[in-house]
N, C-alpha and C. Protein backbone atom coordinates (compact mmCIF):
# COMPACT_ATOMS: atom_id res chain seq x y z
N MET A 1 0.82 -1.27 0.04
CA MET A 1 -0.10 -0.17 -0.53
C MET A 1 0.93 1.46 0.27
N GLU A 2 1.66 1.02 1.01
CA GLU A 2 3.02 2.77 1.07
C GLU A 2 3.76 2.89 -0.02
N TRP A 3 3.98 1.56 -1.16
CA TRP A 3 4.21 1.88 -2.20
C TRP A 3 3.55 2.57 -3.12
N ILE A 4 2.19 1.84 -3.02
CA ILE A 4 0.96 2.20 -4.17
C ILE A 4 1.42 3.90 -4.21
N MET A 5 1.25 4.28 -3.14
CA MET A 5 0.56 5.88 -2.62
C MET A 5 1.81 6.83 -2.98
N ALA A 6 3.22 5.68 -2.69
CA ALA A 6 4.40 6.85 -2.88
C ALA A 6 4.56 6.78 -4.44
N GLU A 7 4.25 5.64 -5.10
CA GLU A 7 4.77 5.76 -6.82
C GLU A 7 3.61 6.93 -7.26
N LEU A 8 2.46 6.89 -6.74
CA LEU A 8 1.26 8.14 -7.46
C LEU A 8 1.46 9.58 -7.11
N LEU A 9 2.12 9.40 -5.47
CA LEU A 9 2.62 11.14 -5.21
C LEU A 9 4.00 11.32 -5.77
N GLN A 10 4.75 10.11 -6.12
CA GLN A 10 5.77 10.83 -7.23
C GLN A 10 5.76 10.69 -9.03
N HIS A 11 4.33 10.42 -9.22
CA HIS A 11 3.79 10.34 -10.80
C HIS A 11 2.27 11.23 -10.55
N PRO A 12 2.06 12.38 -10.36
CA PRO A 12 0.57 12.88 -10.03
C PRO A 12 0.09 12.85 -11.29
N GLU A 13 0.13 12.93 -12.54
CA GLU A 13 -0.31 12.76 -13.54
C GLU A 13 -1.03 11.58 -13.55
N ILE A 14 -0.19 10.41 -13.19
CA ILE A 14 -0.76 8.99 -12.97
C ILE A 14 -1.89 9.01 -12.10
N MET A 15 -1.73 9.66 -10.65
CA MET A 15 -3.08 9.87 -9.82
C MET A 15 -4.02 10.35 -10.57
N GLU A 16 -3.51 11.52 -11.31
CA GLU A 16 -4.76 12.34 -11.76
C GLU A 16 -6.05 11.20 -12.79
N LYS A 17 -5.47 10.00 -13.70
CA LYS A 17 -5.87 9.49 -14.34
C LYS A 17 -6.82 8.78 -13.62
N ALA A 18 -5.96 8.53 -12.21
CA ALA A 18 -7.13 7.43 -11.58
C ALA A 18 -7.91 7.89 -10.85
N CYS A 19 -7.57 9.33 -9.76
CA CYS A 19 -9.09 9.75 -9.70
C CYS A 19 -9.95 9.87 -10.58
N LYS A 20 -9.51 10.66 -11.80
CA LYS A 20 -10.90 10.95 -12.83
C LYS A 20 -11.54 9.55 -13.49
N GLU A 21 -10.66 8.36 -13.40
CA GLU A 21 -11.31 6.76 -13.45
C GLU A 21 -12.68 6.42 -12.42
N LEU A 22 -12.34 7.17 -10.93
CA LEU A 22 -13.03 6.86 -9.89
C LEU A 22 -13.88 7.89 -9.93
N GLU A 23 -13.99 8.78 -10.26
CA GLU A 23 -14.84 9.58 -10.70
C GLU A 23 -16.11 9.29 -11.74
N GLU A 24 -15.91 8.78 -12.62
CA GLU A 24 -16.09 8.19 -13.90
C GLU A 24 -17.35 6.81 -13.17
N VAL A 25 -16.17 6.56 -12.47
CA VAL A 25 -17.38 4.85 -12.67
C VAL A 25 -18.34 5.00 -10.84
N VAL A 26 -17.26 5.67 -9.62
CA VAL A 26 -18.57 5.77 -8.85
C VAL A 26 -18.56 7.05 -9.10
N GLY A 27 -19.09 7.97 -9.21
CA GLY A 27 -18.85 9.16 -8.87
C GLY A 27 -18.83 9.75 -8.00
N LYS A 28 -18.65 11.52 -8.41
CA LYS A 28 -18.38 12.39 -7.63
C LYS A 28 -18.55 12.12 -6.00
N ASP A 29 -19.65 12.34 -5.42
CA ASP A 29 -19.73 12.27 -4.61
C ASP A 29 -20.35 11.11 -3.54
N ASN A 30 -20.44 10.02 -4.21
CA ASN A 30 -20.71 8.81 -3.88
C ASN A 30 -19.49 7.70 -2.67
N ILE A 31 -19.51 6.65 -1.79
CA ILE A 31 -18.40 6.23 -1.45
C ILE A 31 -17.95 4.98 -2.08
N VAL A 32 -16.94 4.73 -2.16
CA VAL A 32 -16.43 3.52 -3.39
C VAL A 32 -17.10 2.10 -2.71
N GLU A 33 -18.25 1.30 -3.72
CA GLU A 33 -18.54 0.11 -3.29
C GLU A 33 -17.92 -1.33 -3.72
N GLU A 34 -18.24 -2.30 -3.50
CA GLU A 34 -17.46 -3.64 -3.74
C GLU A 34 -17.86 -3.92 -5.43
N PHE A 35 -19.42 -3.27 -5.79
CA PHE A 35 -19.66 -3.07 -7.35
C PHE A 35 -18.37 -2.80 -8.29
N HIS A 36 -17.91 -1.42 -7.13
CA HIS A 36 -17.24 -0.95 -8.72
C HIS A 36 -15.60 -1.05 -8.89
N ILE A 37 -15.35 -2.16 -8.26
CA ILE A 37 -14.09 -2.20 -8.15
C ILE A 37 -13.67 -3.40 -9.54
N SER A 38 -14.57 -4.29 -10.01
CA SER A 38 -14.24 -4.53 -11.68
C SER A 38 -14.46 -3.70 -12.44
N LYS A 39 -14.76 -2.59 -12.40
CA LYS A 39 -14.72 -1.54 -13.01
C LYS A 39 -13.61 -0.60 -13.16
N LEU A 40 -12.14 -0.60 -12.58
CA LEU A 40 -11.64 0.30 -11.70
C LEU A 40 -10.01 -0.27 -12.75
N HIS A 41 -10.31 -0.25 -14.33
CA HIS A 41 -9.02 -0.91 -14.90
C HIS A 41 -7.70 -0.09 -14.92
N TYR A 42 -7.68 1.19 -14.59
CA TYR A 42 -6.53 1.98 -14.07
C TYR A 42 -6.14 1.75 -13.48
N LEU A 43 -6.35 1.72 -12.20
CA LEU A 43 -6.41 1.58 -10.86
C LEU A 43 -5.92 0.00 -10.75
N ASP A 44 -6.40 -0.76 -11.15
CA ASP A 44 -5.61 -2.34 -11.20
C ASP A 44 -4.08 -2.43 -12.07
N ALA A 45 -4.33 -1.57 -13.07
CA ALA A 45 -2.80 -1.46 -14.00
C ALA A 45 -1.95 -1.05 -12.92
N ILE A 46 -2.12 0.31 -11.86
CA ILE A 46 -1.42 1.04 -11.22
C ILE A 46 -0.76 -0.16 -10.57
N ILE A 47 -2.06 -1.04 -9.85
CA ILE A 47 -1.10 -1.38 -8.43
C ILE A 47 -0.75 -2.60 -8.98
N LYS A 48 -0.57 -3.33 -10.21
CA LYS A 48 0.47 -4.50 -10.59
C LYS A 48 1.77 -4.10 -11.54
N GLU A 49 1.37 -2.21 -11.74
CA GLU A 49 2.52 -1.84 -11.96
C GLU A 49 3.71 -1.58 -10.50
N THR A 50 3.28 -1.25 -9.66
CA THR A 50 4.04 -1.35 -8.38
C THR A 50 4.51 -2.70 -8.08
N LEU A 51 3.28 -3.20 -8.28
CA LEU A 51 4.17 -5.02 -7.59
C LEU A 51 5.20 -5.70 -8.53
N ARG A 52 5.09 -4.63 -9.64
CA ARG A 52 6.61 -5.17 -10.48
C ARG A 52 7.66 -4.17 -10.05
N LEU A 53 7.49 -2.92 -10.01
CA LEU A 53 8.52 -2.67 -9.18
C LEU A 53 8.90 -2.66 -8.22
N HIS A 54 8.02 -3.37 -7.34
CA HIS A 54 8.44 -3.07 -5.73
C HIS A 54 7.60 -4.41 -5.38
N PRO A 55 7.85 -5.90 -5.38
CA PRO A 55 7.22 -7.07 -5.73
C PRO A 55 7.63 -7.07 -3.93
N ALA A 56 6.14 -7.91 -3.06
CA ALA A 56 6.49 -7.12 -1.76
C ALA A 56 7.42 -8.73 -0.73
N THR A 57 7.90 -9.47 -1.34
CA THR A 57 8.88 -10.17 -1.71
C THR A 57 10.31 -10.13 -2.49
N PRO A 58 10.85 -9.85 -2.75
CA PRO A 58 11.83 -9.88 -3.13
C PRO A 58 12.16 -10.95 -3.78
N LEU A 59 12.20 -12.09 -3.10
CA LEU A 59 13.23 -13.46 -3.56
C LEU A 59 11.64 -14.71 -3.31
N LEU A 60 11.61 -14.93 -3.97
CA LEU A 60 10.82 -16.55 -3.61
C LEU A 60 10.81 -17.21 -3.05
N ALA A 61 10.12 -18.09 -2.60
CA ALA A 61 10.59 -19.33 -1.33
C ALA A 61 11.62 -20.36 -2.51
N PRO A 62 12.51 -21.18 -1.72
CA PRO A 62 13.52 -21.58 -2.21
C PRO A 62 13.08 -23.19 -3.08
N ARG A 63 13.45 -22.97 -4.37
CA ARG A 63 13.24 -24.99 -4.81
C ARG A 63 13.99 -25.74 -5.08
N SER A 64 13.69 -27.09 -5.13
CA SER A 64 14.72 -27.80 -5.52
C SER A 64 14.44 -28.74 -6.51
N PRO A 65 14.98 -29.16 -8.12
CA PRO A 65 14.56 -29.52 -8.63
C PRO A 65 14.51 -31.24 -8.68
N CYS A 66 13.79 -31.81 -8.75
CA CYS A 66 13.91 -33.52 -8.52
C CYS A 66 14.31 -34.08 -9.17
N ILE A 67 15.32 -33.53 -10.66
CA ILE A 67 16.09 -34.38 -11.85
C ILE A 67 17.16 -33.46 -11.89
N THR A 68 18.04 -33.49 -12.61
CA THR A 68 19.37 -32.61 -13.15
C THR A 68 18.45 -32.10 -14.49
N GLN A 69 18.67 -30.31 -14.59
CA GLN A 69 17.59 -30.12 -15.17
C GLN A 69 19.32 -29.27 -16.61
N THR A 70 19.07 -29.10 -17.51
CA THR A 70 19.90 -27.87 -18.21
C THR A 70 19.30 -26.71 -18.99
N ILE A 71 18.95 -25.51 -18.60
CA ILE A 71 18.32 -24.59 -18.75
C ILE A 71 19.06 -23.62 -19.45
N SER A 72 19.21 -23.56 -21.01
CA SER A 72 19.92 -22.87 -21.99
C SER A 72 21.18 -22.91 -21.38
N GLU A 73 22.52 -22.66 -21.20
CA GLU A 73 23.80 -23.57 -20.55
C GLU A 73 23.65 -23.41 -19.57
N TYR A 74 22.83 -23.63 -18.42
CA TYR A 74 22.92 -23.75 -17.02
C TYR A 74 22.73 -25.51 -17.60
N THR A 75 23.88 -26.10 -16.20
CA THR A 75 23.19 -27.15 -15.58
C THR A 75 22.93 -27.19 -14.09
N ILE A 76 21.69 -27.41 -13.97
CA ILE A 76 21.36 -27.38 -12.48
C ILE A 76 20.60 -28.86 -11.50
N PRO A 77 22.17 -29.29 -10.79
CA PRO A 77 21.76 -30.31 -10.20
C PRO A 77 20.62 -30.94 -9.46
N LYS A 78 19.82 -31.93 -9.71
CA LYS A 78 19.59 -32.81 -8.85
C LYS A 78 19.67 -32.18 -7.44
N GLY A 79 18.42 -31.63 -6.87
CA GLY A 79 18.44 -31.64 -5.25
C GLY A 79 19.40 -30.64 -4.88
N SER A 80 19.87 -29.04 -6.12
CA SER A 80 20.16 -28.20 -5.71
C SER A 80 18.99 -27.05 -5.01
N ARG A 81 19.28 -26.20 -4.52
CA ARG A 81 18.56 -24.73 -3.78
C ARG A 81 18.03 -23.72 -5.04
N VAL A 82 17.37 -24.00 -5.61
CA VAL A 82 17.28 -22.44 -6.62
C VAL A 82 16.39 -21.18 -5.90
N ILE A 83 16.76 -19.83 -5.84
CA ILE A 83 16.46 -19.07 -5.08
C ILE A 83 15.70 -18.43 -6.44
N PHE A 84 14.55 -17.48 -7.09
CA PHE A 84 14.44 -17.01 -7.92
C PHE A 84 14.25 -15.46 -7.27
N ASN A 85 14.99 -14.45 -7.74
CA ASN A 85 15.00 -13.03 -7.76
C ASN A 85 13.97 -12.53 -8.65
N ILE A 86 12.60 -12.25 -7.68
CA ILE A 86 11.65 -12.17 -8.98
C ILE A 86 11.96 -10.65 -8.77
N TRP A 87 12.36 -9.64 -7.78
CA TRP A 87 12.81 -8.60 -8.04
C TRP A 87 13.72 -8.40 -9.50
N ALA A 88 14.52 -8.73 -9.44
CA ALA A 88 15.40 -8.81 -10.83
C ALA A 88 14.81 -8.88 -12.07
N MET A 89 14.23 -10.21 -11.81
CA MET A 89 13.40 -10.53 -13.26
C MET A 89 11.92 -9.65 -13.79
N GLN A 90 11.55 -8.87 -12.39
CA GLN A 90 10.26 -8.25 -12.82
C GLN A 90 11.18 -6.32 -13.35
N ARG A 91 12.57 -6.62 -13.98
CA ARG A 91 12.79 -5.40 -13.82
C ARG A 91 14.15 -6.07 -14.85
N ASP A 92 13.77 -6.48 -15.63
CA ASP A 92 14.41 -7.42 -16.65
C ASP A 92 13.97 -7.02 -18.30
N PRO A 93 14.92 -5.80 -18.86
CA PRO A 93 15.29 -4.66 -20.01
C PRO A 93 14.89 -5.88 -21.10
N VAL A 94 15.01 -7.47 -21.01
CA VAL A 94 14.18 -8.18 -22.29
C VAL A 94 13.37 -8.42 -21.94
N ALA A 95 12.57 -8.36 -21.06
CA ALA A 95 11.20 -8.62 -20.83
C ALA A 95 10.18 -7.75 -20.62
N TRP A 96 10.73 -6.59 -20.51
CA TRP A 96 10.12 -5.06 -19.65
C TRP A 96 10.62 -3.66 -20.68
N GLU A 97 9.84 -3.40 -21.18
CA GLU A 97 10.40 -1.97 -22.08
C GLU A 97 10.76 -1.04 -21.09
N ASN A 98 11.76 -0.57 -20.95
CA ASN A 98 11.69 0.62 -20.04
C ASN A 98 11.53 0.45 -18.27
N PRO A 99 11.90 -0.60 -18.09
CA PRO A 99 11.62 -1.27 -17.15
C PRO A 99 11.87 -0.20 -15.76
N LEU A 100 12.90 -0.06 -15.87
CA LEU A 100 12.80 0.93 -14.46
C LEU A 100 11.59 1.98 -14.07
N GLU A 101 11.24 2.44 -15.54
CA GLU A 101 10.12 3.23 -15.55
C GLU A 101 8.81 3.23 -14.61
N PHE A 102 7.64 3.98 -14.09
CA PHE A 102 6.68 3.39 -13.86
C PHE A 102 5.30 3.87 -14.55
N GLN A 103 4.93 2.91 -15.29
CA GLN A 103 4.11 3.05 -16.49
C GLN A 103 3.23 1.85 -16.42
N PRO A 104 2.49 2.27 -15.88
CA PRO A 104 0.63 1.12 -15.88
C PRO A 104 -0.29 1.48 -16.57
N GLU A 105 -0.04 1.52 -18.26
CA GLU A 105 -0.48 1.48 -19.18
C GLU A 105 0.07 0.37 -20.23
N ARG A 106 1.05 0.05 -19.85
CA ARG A 106 1.90 -1.33 -19.79
C ARG A 106 1.11 -2.95 -19.35
N PHE A 107 -0.12 -2.86 -18.60
CA PHE A 107 -0.27 -3.49 -18.62
C PHE A 107 -1.90 -3.67 -18.96
N LEU A 108 -2.62 -2.04 -19.18
CA LEU A 108 -3.37 -2.01 -20.28
C LEU A 108 -3.46 -2.73 -21.42
N ARG A 109 -2.32 -2.03 -22.14
CA ARG A 109 -1.58 -2.98 -23.74
C ARG A 109 -2.07 -4.56 -23.65
N ASP A 110 -1.47 -5.06 -22.56
CA ASP A 110 -1.13 -5.98 -22.91
C ASP A 110 -1.52 -6.84 -21.36
N ALA A 111 -3.38 -7.51 -21.54
CA ALA A 111 -3.67 -8.08 -20.06
C ALA A 111 -3.13 -9.02 -19.35
N GLU A 112 -2.43 -10.13 -20.44
CA GLU A 112 -1.81 -10.96 -19.35
C GLU A 112 -0.07 -11.01 -19.00
N LYS A 113 -0.04 -9.62 -19.39
CA LYS A 113 1.03 -9.81 -18.41
C LYS A 113 0.84 -9.50 -16.82
N GLY A 114 -0.14 -9.20 -17.00
CA GLY A 114 -0.63 -8.55 -15.84
C GLY A 114 -1.08 -9.85 -14.89
N ASP A 115 -1.41 -10.95 -15.28
CA ASP A 115 -1.48 -12.29 -15.02
C ASP A 115 -0.94 -12.77 -13.07
N TYR A 116 -2.04 -12.87 -12.54
CA TYR A 116 -1.13 -13.22 -10.88
C TYR A 116 -0.75 -14.57 -11.10
N GLN A 117 -1.78 -15.42 -11.56
CA GLN A 117 -1.49 -17.14 -11.55
C GLN A 117 -0.15 -17.73 -11.64
N GLY A 118 0.89 -16.94 -11.87
CA GLY A 118 2.05 -17.24 -11.92
C GLY A 118 2.43 -17.92 -13.92
N ASN A 119 1.68 -17.62 -14.97
CA ASN A 119 1.73 -18.24 -15.86
C ASN A 119 2.90 -17.40 -16.63
N ASN A 120 2.92 -16.06 -16.64
CA ASN A 120 3.60 -15.00 -17.21
C ASN A 120 4.97 -15.08 -15.84
N TYR A 121 5.97 -16.03 -16.35
CA TYR A 121 7.55 -15.94 -15.60
C TYR A 121 8.34 -14.76 -15.40
N ASN A 122 7.59 -13.51 -16.02
CA ASN A 122 8.40 -12.41 -16.26
C ASN A 122 7.80 -11.56 -14.68
N PHE A 123 6.50 -12.07 -14.43
CA PHE A 123 5.81 -11.33 -13.27
C PHE A 123 5.07 -12.71 -12.28
N LEU A 124 5.72 -12.27 -10.99
CA LEU A 124 5.65 -13.10 -10.12
C LEU A 124 5.50 -12.87 -9.05
N PRO A 125 4.55 -11.56 -8.43
CA PRO A 125 4.53 -10.79 -7.91
C PRO A 125 3.66 -11.80 -6.50
N PHE A 126 3.33 -12.91 -6.71
CA PHE A 126 2.50 -13.62 -5.53
C PHE A 126 3.48 -15.46 -5.83
N GLY A 127 4.41 -15.09 -6.43
CA GLY A 127 5.01 -16.71 -6.67
C GLY A 127 3.85 -17.34 -7.79
N SER A 128 3.99 -18.49 -7.82
CA SER A 128 4.07 -19.52 -9.20
C SER A 128 3.99 -21.06 -7.95
N GLY A 129 3.39 -21.87 -8.98
CA GLY A 129 3.37 -23.23 -8.62
C GLY A 129 2.24 -23.89 -7.30
N ARG A 130 3.18 -24.57 -7.28
CA ARG A 130 2.48 -25.28 -6.24
C ARG A 130 2.27 -24.15 -4.90
N ARG A 131 3.56 -23.58 -4.73
CA ARG A 131 3.76 -22.83 -3.55
C ARG A 131 3.27 -21.38 -4.24
N ILE A 132 2.46 -20.91 -4.51
CA ILE A 132 1.50 -20.01 -5.03
C ILE A 132 0.92 -19.03 -4.35
N CYS A 133 1.00 -18.16 -3.37
CA CYS A 133 0.07 -17.69 -2.48
C CYS A 133 -1.55 -17.61 -2.52
N PRO A 134 -1.50 -18.16 -1.77
CA PRO A 134 -3.52 -18.69 -1.85
C PRO A 134 -4.24 -17.90 -1.65
N GLY A 135 -3.70 -16.07 -0.83
CA GLY A 135 -4.68 -15.12 -0.86
C GLY A 135 -4.35 -14.28 -2.29
N ILE A 136 -4.01 -14.57 -2.82
CA ILE A 136 -4.73 -13.57 -4.13
C ILE A 136 -5.57 -12.92 -4.61
N PRO A 137 -6.82 -13.58 -4.24
CA PRO A 137 -7.56 -13.04 -4.58
C PRO A 137 -8.10 -12.41 -4.01
N LEU A 138 -7.98 -12.42 -2.53
CA LEU A 138 -8.14 -11.21 -1.16
C LEU A 138 -7.59 -9.94 -1.54
N ALA A 139 -6.23 -10.88 -1.32
CA ALA A 139 -5.02 -9.38 -1.97
C ALA A 139 -5.49 -8.50 -3.10
N GLU A 140 -5.79 -8.89 -4.06
CA GLU A 140 -6.36 -7.95 -5.17
C GLU A 140 -7.27 -6.84 -4.57
N LYS A 141 -8.50 -7.47 -4.17
CA LYS A 141 -9.70 -7.00 -4.45
C LYS A 141 -9.15 -6.07 -2.70
N MET A 142 -8.67 -6.95 -1.66
CA MET A 142 -8.62 -5.73 -0.42
C MET A 142 -7.51 -4.61 -1.30
N LEU A 143 -6.62 -4.49 -2.03
CA LEU A 143 -5.66 -3.67 -2.42
C LEU A 143 -6.38 -2.67 -3.28
N LEU A 144 -7.04 -3.30 -4.42
CA LEU A 144 -8.28 -2.21 -5.17
C LEU A 144 -9.46 -1.64 -5.33
N TYR A 145 -9.74 -1.99 -3.54
CA TYR A 145 -10.60 -1.59 -2.60
C TYR A 145 -10.36 -0.47 -1.57
N VAL A 146 -9.06 -0.10 -1.30
CA VAL A 146 -8.43 0.38 -0.30
C VAL A 146 -7.89 1.36 -0.82
N VAL A 147 -7.13 1.14 -1.78
CA VAL A 147 -6.15 2.58 -2.54
C VAL A 147 -7.41 3.02 -3.37
N SER A 148 -8.81 2.65 -3.92
CA SER A 148 -9.81 3.38 -4.20
C SER A 148 -10.18 4.01 -3.20
N THR A 149 -10.92 3.69 -1.80
CA THR A 149 -11.37 4.56 -1.22
C THR A 149 -10.49 5.25 -0.74
N LEU A 150 -9.23 5.57 -0.84
CA LEU A 150 -8.39 6.43 -0.13
C LEU A 150 -7.83 7.28 -1.56
N LEU A 151 -7.84 6.92 -2.58
CA LEU A 151 -7.92 8.02 -3.90
C LEU A 151 -9.30 8.86 -3.97
N HIS A 152 -10.53 8.01 -3.71
CA HIS A 152 -11.44 8.57 -3.48
C HIS A 152 -12.16 9.72 -2.57
N SER A 153 -11.53 9.64 -1.80
CA SER A 153 -12.00 10.30 -0.54
C SER A 153 -11.43 11.53 -0.02
N PHE A 154 -9.96 11.16 -0.43
CA PHE A 154 -8.63 12.61 -0.40
C PHE A 154 -8.36 12.90 -1.52
N GLU A 155 -7.33 14.09 -1.38
CA GLU A 155 -6.29 14.59 -2.06
C GLU A 155 -5.30 14.33 -1.07
N TRP A 156 -4.05 13.45 -2.09
CA TRP A 156 -2.80 13.50 -1.22
C TRP A 156 -1.83 14.37 -1.37
N ASN A 157 -0.81 14.41 -0.73
CA ASN A 157 0.39 15.62 -0.49
C ASN A 157 0.94 14.88 0.22
N ILE A 158 2.31 15.43 -0.09
CA ILE A 158 3.44 15.18 0.31
C ILE A 158 3.99 16.02 1.68
N PRO A 159 4.34 16.30 2.77
CA PRO A 159 4.14 17.78 3.08
C PRO A 159 5.18 19.11 2.89
N HIS A 160 5.28 20.50 2.89
CA HIS A 160 6.10 21.06 2.03
C HIS A 160 7.40 21.31 2.60
N GLY A 161 7.61 21.36 1.22
CA GLY A 161 9.71 21.71 1.58
C GLY A 161 9.95 20.01 1.28
N THR A 162 9.45 18.83 1.11
CA THR A 162 9.88 17.38 1.30
C THR A 162 10.13 16.82 0.35
N THR A 163 11.23 16.20 -0.08
CA THR A 163 11.04 15.46 -1.25
C THR A 163 10.45 13.69 -1.22
N LEU A 164 10.37 13.09 -1.65
CA LEU A 164 9.95 11.42 -1.53
C LEU A 164 10.93 11.16 -2.45
N ASP A 165 11.70 10.28 -1.66
CA ASP A 165 12.48 9.46 -1.38
C ASP A 165 12.25 7.72 -1.80
N LEU A 166 12.34 6.82 -3.03
CA LEU A 166 11.90 5.84 -3.32
C LEU A 166 12.57 5.04 -3.22
N SER A 167 14.01 4.99 -2.23
CA SER A 167 14.89 4.22 -1.87
C SER A 167 14.40 2.85 -1.42
N GLU A 168 14.60 1.77 -1.66
CA GLU A 168 14.40 0.55 -0.87
C GLU A 168 15.33 -0.13 -0.45
N LYS A 169 14.47 -0.90 0.88
CA LYS A 169 15.33 -0.96 2.00
C LYS A 169 15.67 -2.32 1.56
N PHE A 170 16.25 -2.86 1.62
CA PHE A 170 16.33 -4.80 1.25
C PHE A 170 16.26 -5.72 2.38
N GLY A 171 15.32 -6.35 2.42
CA GLY A 171 14.71 -7.52 3.67
C GLY A 171 14.12 -8.90 3.12
N LEU A 172 14.00 -9.86 4.09
CA LEU A 172 12.84 -10.37 3.83
C LEU A 172 11.41 -9.47 2.41
N VAL A 173 10.86 -8.58 2.87
CA VAL A 173 10.04 -8.08 2.65
C VAL A 173 10.57 -6.57 1.87
N THR A 174 10.25 -6.37 0.43
CA THR A 174 10.64 -5.35 -0.10
C THR A 174 9.83 -3.52 0.98
N LYS A 175 10.79 -2.60 1.82
CA LYS A 175 10.22 -1.55 2.36
C LYS A 175 10.54 -0.35 1.57
N MET A 176 10.22 0.10 1.94
CA MET A 176 10.48 1.88 1.52
C MET A 176 11.59 2.35 3.05
N GLN A 177 12.96 3.35 2.33
CA GLN A 177 14.22 3.06 3.56
C GLN A 177 13.58 3.99 3.74
N GLU A 178 12.85 5.47 4.04
CA GLU A 178 11.96 5.88 4.67
C GLU A 178 10.73 5.86 4.63
N PRO A 179 9.70 5.97 5.81
CA PRO A 179 8.71 5.60 5.20
C PRO A 179 7.71 6.82 4.65
N LEU A 180 6.66 6.68 4.39
CA LEU A 180 6.38 7.74 3.46
C LEU A 180 5.84 8.29 4.81
N ILE A 181 5.49 9.65 4.20
CA ILE A 181 4.67 10.84 5.01
C ILE A 181 3.75 11.38 4.11
N ALA A 182 2.54 11.30 3.88
CA ALA A 182 1.32 12.05 3.11
C ALA A 182 0.12 12.35 3.94
N ILE A 183 0.06 13.61 3.49
CA ILE A 183 -1.16 14.08 3.93
C ILE A 183 -2.52 14.16 3.36
N PRO A 184 -3.57 13.43 4.22
CA PRO A 184 -4.49 13.91 3.00
C PRO A 184 -5.69 14.63 3.42
N ILE A 185 -6.34 15.54 2.29
CA ILE A 185 -7.40 16.46 2.50
C ILE A 185 -8.36 15.70 1.73
N ALA A 186 -9.72 15.99 2.89
CA ALA A 186 -11.12 15.70 2.91
C ALA A 186 -11.21 15.80 1.18
N LYS A 187 -12.15 15.31 0.09
CA LYS A 187 -12.64 15.93 -0.98
C LYS A 187 -13.98 15.69 -1.17
N TYR A 188 -14.77 15.01 0.30
CA TYR A 188 -16.41 14.84 -0.07
C TYR A 188 -16.97 16.11 0.82
N SER A 189 -17.89 16.63 -0.36
CA SER A 189 -18.28 17.63 0.43
C SER A 189 -19.39 17.64 1.91
N SER A 190 -19.95 16.51 2.28
CA SER A 190 -20.69 15.55 3.44
C SER A 190 -19.79 14.92 4.35
N PRO A 191 -19.80 15.65 5.45
CA PRO A 191 -18.73 14.20 6.63
C PRO A 191 -18.76 13.32 6.64
N GLU A 192 -20.44 12.72 6.08
CA GLU A 192 -21.03 11.80 6.64
C GLU A 192 -20.56 10.84 6.27
N HIS A 193 -20.01 10.95 4.85
CA HIS A 193 -18.92 10.20 4.74
C HIS A 193 -18.35 9.39 4.82
N TYR A 194 -17.66 10.49 5.56
CA TYR A 194 -16.59 9.95 6.71
C TYR A 194 -16.41 8.86 8.25
N LEU A 195 -17.61 8.51 8.36
CA LEU A 195 -18.19 8.28 9.09
C LEU A 195 -18.68 6.93 9.12
């Protein structure tokens, strides 16, 4: 969630497009409801692009082949421990055009690139195979619901005189080096929407 908001604050033109989509789908003075979620295609692409650049876990759980395999010119012996660096895979310039740029549109142009099911080995934010995250449907819906509610309910800014630092702190999970500090400003005309 922090990475999504940080990327949106870093790219105000993208946040503006997401807010415009929310206004068209939800309505200006309405609250986001579950039935709106499936219609928020641009916001879905923003979340996927954020997960591509900042996967929750940069490394997948170790795997071990049950037979010796040769992949390209590499031989992987039976029983070896193989760790997939999805942080690097999802930034591979062979697989992604301008891989270090935040471009949600890439997931609108090619919907198959945003497959969470682990079929696209260039995009594995939830893993793949037998060890894929079982919470994908819940995570997908909750991220869309919470981020859409935050964007639709508030205007967001960073404190005056500060800059946004998107440096990463490596660890078991991908965290921001410096925690995001953002200021919400109420959008709704009626305070009842916030109760």
